[in-house]
């Protein structure tokens, strides 16, 4: 097996941006990337027949000129013709889109410029004033014939949108905190640390290490513990329990000591947390004499943890960065800042909608096509939406070696 190494840069939700190669505008590699972009990130060809010829036709019409973002003080549209994708975002206290909302807006703008093919456009609507404004925005979007709502708002606002009967609004793709799909045709799109943990544990279980002990920060939600335990058991593993730790080295070492009985039975130790204290946990487990276990980390681990000798050999599942690399240079050029995971999610939200509209027409934006078992391949990896309102995202498996992530198994080509 050939082992490949990358040098990661931490992004939110685990997606990494790799070092960029910046060829000149007219160089062969850049032209090649642009010509295949639509094929690699729009939609898996199995969703519809004739996908190849359709994407080739779109690629010839993609505009490659720089996308200029309009002022946030006015109503914003990206694109001019076709079916509307309504992007619901809250402006900041300064009256402009900031942070993650700005990145998602700009990722969507780049996506429609490259993939829309003049068949979709993005309308950005401010929902900072809360649920009443969001309800009005949804009603107006439906009246305009919008084919999809893409929301990044507070859980209360997005939940209010999700509660609108499915026959009275477009499909909702949620880029924020997951909300209950109350009335159907609601899809939580963002992957989190638990998704990464589940993939890593499943890889360990496949090698025979099925008894799993989990360490998590003291404020780890009970709902997330239930979700994780259920996934371990559904995969044929045994959930030994969860040991909580506070954010000091002494508290972490004490958590390992208190978990001694379960640790003796463990075959896999999963360590959750976006903190360097995760290395203290791993070191304390090894110091206890328990060395015949598989360690599993998550995409939330800070990159500076990778160089600690105590975590050498740890398995981590995460979205492979190559997809993001395909658009990172152009995002940087258009918006003068590095691509973030939030921007990548905005890009992929547009990719899903534009792919279905181009191949099925606006009327094809329905639950059946959105939840196709074939799924979609985007810059955030291979994923598919489920009728239950969740996203299944395939990840690549890495091992920590020499302070770097070494690829053990690439993302599968299909589900």
Protein backbone atom coordinates (compact mmCIF):
# COMPACT_ATOMS: atom_id res chain seq x y z
CA UNK A 1 0.00 0.00 0.00
CA UNK A 2 1.29 3.45 -0.83
CA UNK A 3 1.04 5.85 2.09
CA UNK A 4 0.52 9.49 1.24
CA UNK A 5 1.16 12.36 3.64
CA UNK A 6 -0.42 15.79 3.81
CA UNK A 7 0.22 18.81 5.99
CA UNK A 8 -3.18 19.86 7.34
CA UNK A 9 -4.49 23.26 8.28
CA UNK A 10 -7.37 23.07 10.74
CA UNK A 11 -10.77 24.23 9.52
CA UNK A 12 -14.15 24.13 11.15
CA UNK A 13 -15.97 20.77 11.12
CA UNK A 14 -12.74 18.99 10.28
CA UNK A 15 -12.18 19.93 6.66
CA UNK A 16 -8.59 20.81 5.93
CA UNK A 17 -7.13 23.10 3.31
CA UNK A 18 -3.86 21.80 1.93
CA UNK A 19 -0.94 23.79 0.63
CA UNK A 20 -1.97 25.39 -2.63
CA UNK A 21 -0.16 25.27 -5.92
CA UNK A 22 -0.84 28.52 -7.78
CA UNK A 23 -0.29 28.01 -11.50
CA UNK A 24 -0.54 30.98 -13.81
CA UNK A 25 -3.98 31.80 -15.19
CA UNK A 26 -3.34 30.28 -18.57
CA UNK A 27 -1.45 27.19 -17.50
CA UNK A 28 -2.45 23.68 -18.47
CA UNK A 29 -3.16 22.36 -14.94
CA UNK A 30 -5.54 25.21 -14.15
CA UNK A 31 -7.40 24.77 -17.42
CA UNK A 32 -7.73 21.07 -16.67
CA UNK A 33 -9.11 21.73 -13.19
CA UNK A 34 -11.71 24.14 -14.57
CA UNK A 35 -12.77 21.75 -17.29
CA UNK A 36 -13.38 18.86 -14.89
CA UNK A 37 -14.75 20.88 -11.98
CA UNK A 38 -18.39 20.44 -12.85
CA UNK A 39 -17.99 16.69 -13.19
CA UNK A 40 -16.25 16.29 -9.85
CA UNK A 41 -18.42 18.41 -7.59
CA UNK A 42 -21.90 18.76 -9.02
CA UNK A 43 -23.71 15.48 -8.55
CA UNK A 44 -22.98 11.77 -8.76
CA UNK A 45 -23.78 10.67 -12.30
CA UNK A 46 -25.89 7.79 -11.07
CA UNK A 47 -28.60 10.24 -9.97
CA UNK A 48 -29.74 10.82 -13.53
CA UNK A 49 -29.17 9.34 -16.95
CA UNK A 50 -27.12 11.31 -19.44
CA UNK A 51 -25.10 13.01 -16.71
CA UNK A 52 -21.84 13.00 -18.63
CA UNK A 53 -23.10 14.82 -21.69
CA UNK A 54 -24.99 17.35 -19.57
CA UNK A 55 -21.95 18.24 -17.49
CA UNK A 56 -19.76 18.57 -20.56
CA UNK A 57 -22.23 21.05 -21.98
CA UNK A 58 -22.32 23.06 -18.79
CA UNK A 59 -18.54 23.16 -18.51
CA UNK A 60 -18.31 24.90 -21.87
CA UNK A 61 -20.60 27.68 -20.63
CA UNK A 62 -19.15 28.28 -17.16
CA UNK A 63 -18.01 31.86 -16.70
CA UNK A 64 -14.48 31.96 -15.35
CA UNK A 65 -14.22 35.71 -14.76
CA UNK A 66 -13.85 36.90 -11.18
CA UNK A 67 -17.08 37.01 -9.19
CA UNK A 68 -17.56 40.40 -7.55
CA UNK A 69 -19.58 40.24 -4.33
CA UNK A 70 -22.14 43.05 -4.11
CA UNK A 71 -22.32 45.28 -1.07
CA UNK A 72 -24.02 43.68 1.92
CA UNK A 73 -26.04 46.86 2.41
CA UNK A 74 -28.24 46.07 -0.58
CA UNK A 75 -30.29 43.09 -1.66
CA UNK A 76 -27.91 40.55 -3.11
CA UNK A 77 -28.25 38.14 -6.00
CA UNK A 78 -25.59 35.89 -7.46
CA UNK A 79 -26.56 35.14 -11.03
CA UNK A 80 -29.47 36.56 -12.97
CA UNK A 81 -31.55 33.83 -14.60
CA UNK A 82 -33.01 30.43 -13.88
CA UNK A 83 -34.48 28.87 -10.76
CA UNK A 84 -33.96 30.63 -7.44
CA UNK A 85 -31.99 29.19 -4.55
CA UNK A 86 -32.85 31.27 -1.47
CA UNK A 87 -29.96 31.72 0.96
CA UNK A 88 -31.21 32.73 4.43
CA UNK A 89 -28.42 34.34 6.46
CA UNK A 90 -28.29 36.71 9.46
CA UNK A 91 -26.40 39.96 9.09
CA UNK A 92 -24.16 40.96 11.97
CA UNK A 93 -24.67 43.89 14.30
CA UNK A 94 -22.78 46.11 11.86
CA UNK A 95 -25.39 45.47 9.19
CA UNK A 96 -23.21 43.28 6.98
CA UNK A 97 -22.65 39.55 6.67
CA UNK A 98 -19.80 38.47 8.88
CA UNK A 99 -17.86 35.33 9.79
CA UNK A 100 -19.43 32.04 8.79
CA UNK A 101 -22.43 33.75 7.17
CA UNK A 102 -20.13 35.76 4.91
CA UNK A 103 -18.12 32.67 4.00
CA UNK A 104 -21.25 30.67 3.15
CA UNK A 105 -22.56 33.53 1.04
CA UNK A 106 -19.30 33.79 -0.86
CA UNK A 107 -18.99 30.03 -1.28
CA UNK A 108 -22.50 29.98 -2.73
CA UNK A 109 -21.61 32.89 -5.01
CA UNK A 110 -18.58 31.04 -6.34
CA UNK A 111 -20.65 27.89 -6.77
CA UNK A 112 -23.38 29.50 -8.83
CA UNK A 113 -20.80 31.27 -10.99
CA UNK A 114 -19.05 28.00 -11.80
CA UNK A 115 -21.91 25.49 -11.76
CA UNK A 116 -25.14 27.39 -12.30
CA UNK A 117 -24.96 27.39 -16.06
CA UNK A 118 -27.50 30.26 -16.15
CA UNK A 119 -30.12 27.80 -14.89
CA UNK A 120 -30.02 28.75 -11.21
CA UNK A 121 -29.23 31.89 -9.25
CA UNK A 122 -28.81 32.63 -5.54
CA UNK A 123 -30.90 35.25 -3.73
CA UNK A 124 -29.49 36.24 -0.32
CA UNK A 125 -32.06 37.22 2.32
CA UNK A 126 -31.29 38.63 5.76
CA UNK A 127 -33.04 36.81 8.65
CA UNK A 128 -31.20 38.51 11.54
CA UNK A 129 -34.43 39.86 13.03
CA UNK A 130 -35.65 36.38 13.97
CA UNK A 131 -38.35 33.84 13.26
CA UNK A 132 -41.08 36.29 12.07
CA UNK A 133 -38.76 37.69 9.39
CA UNK A 134 -37.78 34.16 8.41
CA UNK A 135 -41.43 33.14 8.04
CA UNK A 136 -42.03 36.12 5.77
CA UNK A 137 -38.90 35.30 3.78
CA UNK A 138 -40.05 31.71 3.30
CA UNK A 139 -43.50 32.80 2.13
CA UNK A 140 -42.01 35.29 -0.33
CA UNK A 141 -39.50 32.73 -1.59
CA UNK A 142 -42.30 30.28 -2.30
CA UNK A 143 -44.25 32.97 -4.14
CA UNK A 144 -41.21 33.67 -6.34
CA UNK A 145 -40.92 29.97 -7.18
CA UNK A 146 -37.74 29.28 -5.21
CA UNK A 147 -36.66 25.64 -5.54
CA UNK A 148 -34.57 25.41 -2.36
CA UNK A 149 -34.03 27.19 0.95
CA UNK A 150 -30.48 27.13 2.30
CA UNK A 151 -30.35 28.34 5.90
CA UNK A 152 -27.58 29.36 8.23
CA UNK A 153 -29.37 30.92 11.17
CA UNK A 154 -29.95 30.35 14.87
CA UNK A 155 -31.51 27.00 15.81
CA UNK A 156 -34.72 28.80 16.78
CA UNK A 157 -35.04 30.50 13.40
CA UNK A 158 -34.17 27.40 11.40
CA UNK A 159 -36.50 25.27 13.53
CA UNK A 160 -39.33 27.71 12.76
CA UNK A 161 -38.62 27.33 9.05
CA UNK A 162 -38.48 23.54 9.37
CA UNK A 163 -41.85 23.56 11.10
CA UNK A 164 -43.57 25.12 8.09
CA UNK A 165 -45.47 22.30 6.33
CA UNK A 166 -43.39 20.79 3.54
CA UNK A 167 -46.08 21.56 0.96
CA UNK A 168 -45.93 25.26 1.85
CA UNK A 169 -42.22 25.88 1.32
CA UNK A 170 -39.27 24.69 -0.78
CA UNK A 171 -36.94 21.98 0.51
CA UNK A 172 -34.72 23.21 3.36
CA UNK A 173 -30.98 22.53 3.47
CA UNK A 174 -29.69 23.54 6.91
CA UNK A 175 -26.04 24.62 7.19
CA UNK A 176 -26.28 25.50 10.87
CA UNK A 177 -26.86 23.58 14.09
CA UNK A 178 -28.99 20.48 13.32
CA UNK A 179 -32.72 20.90 13.86
CA UNK A 180 -35.55 18.35 13.95
CA UNK A 181 -37.01 17.73 10.46
CA UNK A 182 -40.44 18.48 11.89
CA UNK A 183 -42.50 18.52 8.72
CA UNK A 184 -40.25 16.69 6.26
CA UNK A 185 -38.09 17.75 3.33
CA UNK A 186 -35.56 19.21 5.80
CA UNK A 187 -31.91 18.17 5.60
CA UNK A 188 -29.16 18.92 8.11
CA UNK A 189 -26.10 19.21 5.91
CA UNK A 190 -23.11 19.85 8.18
CA UNK A 191 -20.98 16.99 9.48
CA UNK A 192 -19.53 17.21 12.98
CA UNK A 193 -17.07 15.59 15.33
CA UNK A 194 -19.44 12.70 16.04
CA UNK A 195 -19.52 11.77 12.36
CA UNK A 196 -15.72 11.65 12.37
CA UNK A 197 -15.70 9.60 15.58
CA UNK A 198 -18.18 7.06 14.25
CA UNK A 199 -16.17 6.50 11.07
CA UNK A 200 -12.96 6.06 13.06
CA UNK A 201 -14.53 3.63 15.52
CA UNK A 202 -16.03 1.61 12.68
CA UNK A 203 -12.57 1.26 11.13
CA UNK A 204 -11.17 0.02 14.46
CA UNK A 205 -14.10 -2.36 14.87
CA UNK A 206 -13.48 -3.82 11.43
CA UNK A 207 -10.02 -4.88 12.64
CA UNK A 208 -11.53 -6.68 15.64
CA UNK A 209 -11.31 -3.92 18.25
CA UNK A 210 -15.00 -3.77 19.10
CA UNK A 211 -15.10 -2.81 22.80
CA UNK A 212 -15.08 0.99 22.88
CA UNK A 213 -14.39 3.34 25.80
CA UNK A 214 -14.98 7.03 25.14
CA UNK A 215 -13.40 10.10 26.73
CA UNK A 216 -15.11 13.47 26.26
CA UNK A 217 -15.09 16.94 27.77
CA UNK A 218 -17.26 17.47 30.82
CA UNK A 219 -19.84 19.49 28.88
CA UNK A 220 -20.33 16.82 26.19
CA UNK A 221 -24.10 16.73 25.51
CA UNK A 222 -26.07 13.67 26.63
CA UNK A 223 -27.82 13.61 23.24
CA UNK A 224 -24.47 13.28 21.48
CA UNK A 225 -23.47 10.47 23.82
CA UNK A 226 -26.69 8.61 22.99
CA UNK A 227 -26.09 9.12 19.27
CA UNK A 228 -22.52 7.86 19.54
CA UNK A 229 -23.42 4.85 21.70
CA UNK A 230 -26.21 3.90 19.31
CA UNK A 231 -23.89 4.05 16.31
CA UNK A 232 -21.26 1.90 18.03
CA UNK A 233 -23.84 -0.73 18.93
CA UNK A 234 -25.47 -0.61 15.49
CA UNK A 235 -22.04 -1.32 13.98
CA UNK A 236 -21.62 -4.48 16.05
CA UNK A 237 -19.45 -2.90 18.74
CA UNK A 238 -19.76 -2.79 22.51
CA UNK A 239 -20.11 0.59 24.19
CA UNK A 240 -18.26 0.51 27.51
CA UNK A 241 -19.25 3.98 28.60
CA UNK A 242 -18.06 7.58 28.62
CA UNK A 243 -15.52 9.18 30.95
CA UNK A 244 -15.71 12.97 31.21
CA UNK A 245 -12.67 15.18 31.71
CA UNK A 246 -12.08 18.84 32.57
CA UNK A 247 -9.60 20.98 30.66
CA UNK A 248 -6.51 20.57 32.77
CA UNK A 249 -3.79 17.95 32.59
CA UNK A 250 -4.45 16.88 36.18
CA UNK A 251 -8.20 16.50 35.59
CA UNK A 252 -7.60 14.53 32.39
CA UNK A 253 -5.21 12.15 34.12
CA UNK A 254 -7.72 11.72 36.94
CA UNK A 255 -10.47 10.88 34.41
CA UNK A 256 -8.30 8.06 33.06
CA UNK A 257 -7.71 6.77 36.60
CA UNK A 258 -11.43 6.83 37.39
CA UNK A 259 -12.19 4.91 34.19
CA UNK A 260 -9.76 2.15 35.15
CA UNK A 261 -12.29 -0.69 35.33
CA UNK A 262 -13.73 -0.01 31.88
CA UNK A 263 -10.28 0.70 30.49
CA UNK A 264 -9.13 -2.79 31.35
CA UNK A 265 -11.83 -4.23 29.09
CA UNK A 266 -11.39 -1.71 26.25
CA UNK A 267 -10.05 -2.61 22.85
CA UNK A 268 -10.56 0.86 21.37
CA UNK A 269 -10.18 4.20 23.15
CA UNK A 270 -11.98 7.10 21.46
CA UNK A 271 -10.90 10.58 22.60
CA UNK A 272 -13.22 13.47 21.73
CA UNK A 273 -12.46 17.15 22.09
CA UNK A 274 -11.15 20.23 20.30
CA UNK A 275 -8.29 20.62 22.75
CA UNK A 276 -4.66 19.65 23.26
CA UNK A 277 -5.74 17.90 26.47
CA UNK A 278 -6.65 14.97 24.22
CA UNK A 279 -2.94 14.12 24.17
CA UNK A 280 -2.91 14.03 27.98
CA UNK A 281 -5.69 11.43 27.87
CA UNK A 282 -3.76 9.28 25.42
CA UNK A 283 -0.56 9.61 27.42
CA UNK A 284 -2.29 8.71 30.69
CA UNK A 285 -3.89 5.63 29.13
CA UNK A 286 -0.51 4.40 27.91
CA UNK A 287 1.11 5.24 31.26
CA UNK A 288 -1.50 3.07 32.99
CA UNK A 289 -0.01 0.08 31.24
CA UNK A 290 -2.90 -0.35 28.81
CA UNK A 291 -1.03 -0.41 25.51
CA UNK A 292 -2.91 -3.06 23.53
CA UNK A 293 -5.67 -0.69 22.40
CA UNK A 294 -6.45 1.20 19.22
CA UNK A 295 -6.65 4.94 19.74
CA UNK A 296 -9.22 6.89 17.70
CA UNK A 297 -9.21 10.68 17.48
CA UNK A 298 -11.51 13.02 15.57
CA UNK A 299 -11.43 15.79 13.00
CA UNK A 300 -11.86 18.28 15.85
CA UNK A 301 -8.38 17.62 17.23
CA UNK A 302 -6.14 20.70 16.82
CA UNK A 303 -3.26 20.08 14.39
CA UNK A 304 -0.71 20.85 17.12
CA UNK A 305 -1.73 17.62 18.85
CA UNK A 306 -0.44 15.57 15.94
CA UNK A 307 3.22 15.97 16.89
CA UNK A 308 2.80 14.64 20.43
CA UNK A 309 4.44 11.18 20.67
CA UNK A 310 1.57 9.92 22.86
CA UNK A 311 -0.87 9.96 19.92
CA UNK A 312 1.34 8.26 17.34
CA UNK A 313 -0.68 5.65 15.47
CA UNK A 314 -4.04 7.21 16.31
CA UNK A 315 -6.75 6.75 13.67
CA UNK A 316 -8.66 9.83 12.50
CA UNK A 317 -11.43 9.90 9.88
CA UNK A 318 -12.06 13.17 8.07
CA UNK A 319 -13.12 14.67 4.78
CA UNK A 320 -10.32 14.29 2.25
CA UNK A 321 -8.93 17.73 1.37
CA UNK A 322 -8.41 17.24 -2.35
CA UNK A 323 -11.94 18.37 -3.25
CA UNK A 324 -11.49 21.66 -1.42
CA UNK A 325 -8.13 22.16 -3.10
CA UNK A 326 -9.92 22.29 -6.46
CA UNK A 327 -11.64 25.57 -5.57
CA UNK A 328 -9.29 27.00 -2.92
CA UNK A 329 -7.18 29.03 -5.36
CA UNK A 330 -10.16 30.62 -7.05
CA UNK A 331 -11.89 31.38 -3.76
CA UNK A 332 -8.72 33.08 -2.55
CA UNK A 333 -8.48 35.09 -5.77
CA UNK A 334 -12.12 36.19 -5.77
CA UNK A 335 -12.53 36.98 -2.07
CA UNK A 336 -8.96 37.68 -0.91
CA UNK A 337 -9.04 35.17 1.92
CA UNK A 338 -8.50 31.46 2.40
CA UNK A 339 -11.28 28.95 1.76
CA UNK A 340 -13.04 27.86 4.96
CA UNK A 341 -15.21 24.82 5.57
CA UNK A 342 -18.22 27.12 5.89
CA UNK A 343 -17.53 28.43 2.38
CA UNK A 344 -17.17 24.86 1.10
CA UNK A 345 -20.57 23.97 2.54
CA UNK A 346 -22.09 27.01 0.81
CA UNK A 347 -20.51 25.92 -2.45
CA UNK A 348 -21.82 22.35 -2.14
CA UNK A 349 -25.34 23.50 -1.24
CA UNK A 350 -25.49 25.30 -4.58
CA UNK A 351 -23.90 22.32 -6.33
CA UNK A 352 -26.67 20.00 -5.13
CA UNK A 353 -29.45 22.32 -6.25
CA UNK A 354 -27.89 23.29 -9.57
CA UNK A 355 -27.10 19.69 -10.45
CA UNK A 356 -30.69 18.57 -9.94
CA UNK A 357 -32.17 21.58 -11.74
CA UNK A 358 -29.90 21.16 -14.74
CA UNK A 359 -30.67 17.48 -15.13
CA UNK A 360 -34.27 17.24 -13.91
CA UNK A 361 -35.54 20.80 -14.24
CA UNK A 362 -36.90 22.94 -11.38
CA UNK A 363 -39.71 20.44 -10.81
CA UNK A 364 -37.05 17.82 -10.04
CA UNK A 365 -36.16 19.50 -6.76
CA UNK A 366 -38.08 17.04 -4.63
CA UNK A 367 -37.41 14.68 -1.76
CA UNK A 368 -36.95 11.69 -4.05
CA UNK A 369 -34.06 13.25 -5.94
CA UNK A 370 -32.54 14.95 -2.90
CA UNK A 371 -32.38 11.62 -1.05
CA UNK A 372 -31.09 9.52 -3.91
CA UNK A 373 -29.13 6.58 -2.51
CA UNK A 374 -26.41 7.26 -5.08
CA UNK A 375 -25.62 10.54 -3.35
CA UNK A 376 -23.49 13.48 -4.42
CA UNK A 377 -19.79 14.19 -4.62
CA UNK A 378 -18.78 17.71 -3.66
CA UNK A 379 -15.84 19.64 -2.30
CA UNK A 380 -16.86 18.39 1.16
CA UNK A 381 -16.59 14.79 0.00
CA UNK A 382 -19.02 12.06 -0.94
CA UNK A 383 -22.37 12.47 0.80
CA UNK A 384 -26.06 11.69 0.61
CA UNK A 385 -29.11 13.12 2.30
CA UNK A 386 -31.53 10.84 4.12
CA UNK A 387 -35.32 10.98 4.53
CA UNK A 388 -34.69 11.33 8.28
CA UNK A 389 -33.09 14.71 7.65
CA UNK A 390 -29.47 13.75 8.23
CA UNK A 391 -26.42 13.59 5.99
CA UNK A 392 -24.22 10.54 5.48
CA UNK A 393 -20.73 11.62 4.52
CA UNK A 394 -17.96 9.21 3.56
CA UNK A 395 -14.57 10.11 4.94
CA UNK A 396 -10.98 9.06 4.43
CA UNK A 397 -9.07 7.25 7.14
CA UNK A 398 -5.73 8.58 8.35
CA UNK A 399 -3.12 7.51 10.88
CA UNK A 400 -0.88 9.91 12.81
CA UNK A 401 2.71 9.15 11.92
CA UNK A 402 5.70 11.41 12.45
CA UNK A 403 3.44 14.28 13.41
CA UNK A 404 1.52 14.12 10.14
CA UNK A 405 -1.65 12.55 8.79
CA UNK A 406 -0.85 9.52 6.65
CA UNK A 407 -3.61 8.26 4.38
CA UNK A 408 -4.66 4.68 5.14
CA UNK A 409 -7.84 4.46 3.10
CA UNK A 410 -9.23 6.95 0.61
CA UNK A 411 -12.86 7.98 0.48
CA UNK A 412 -14.89 5.29 -1.32
CA UNK A 413 -15.92 6.07 -4.87
CA UNK A 414 -19.56 5.44 -4.05
CA UNK A 415 -21.94 4.37 -1.29
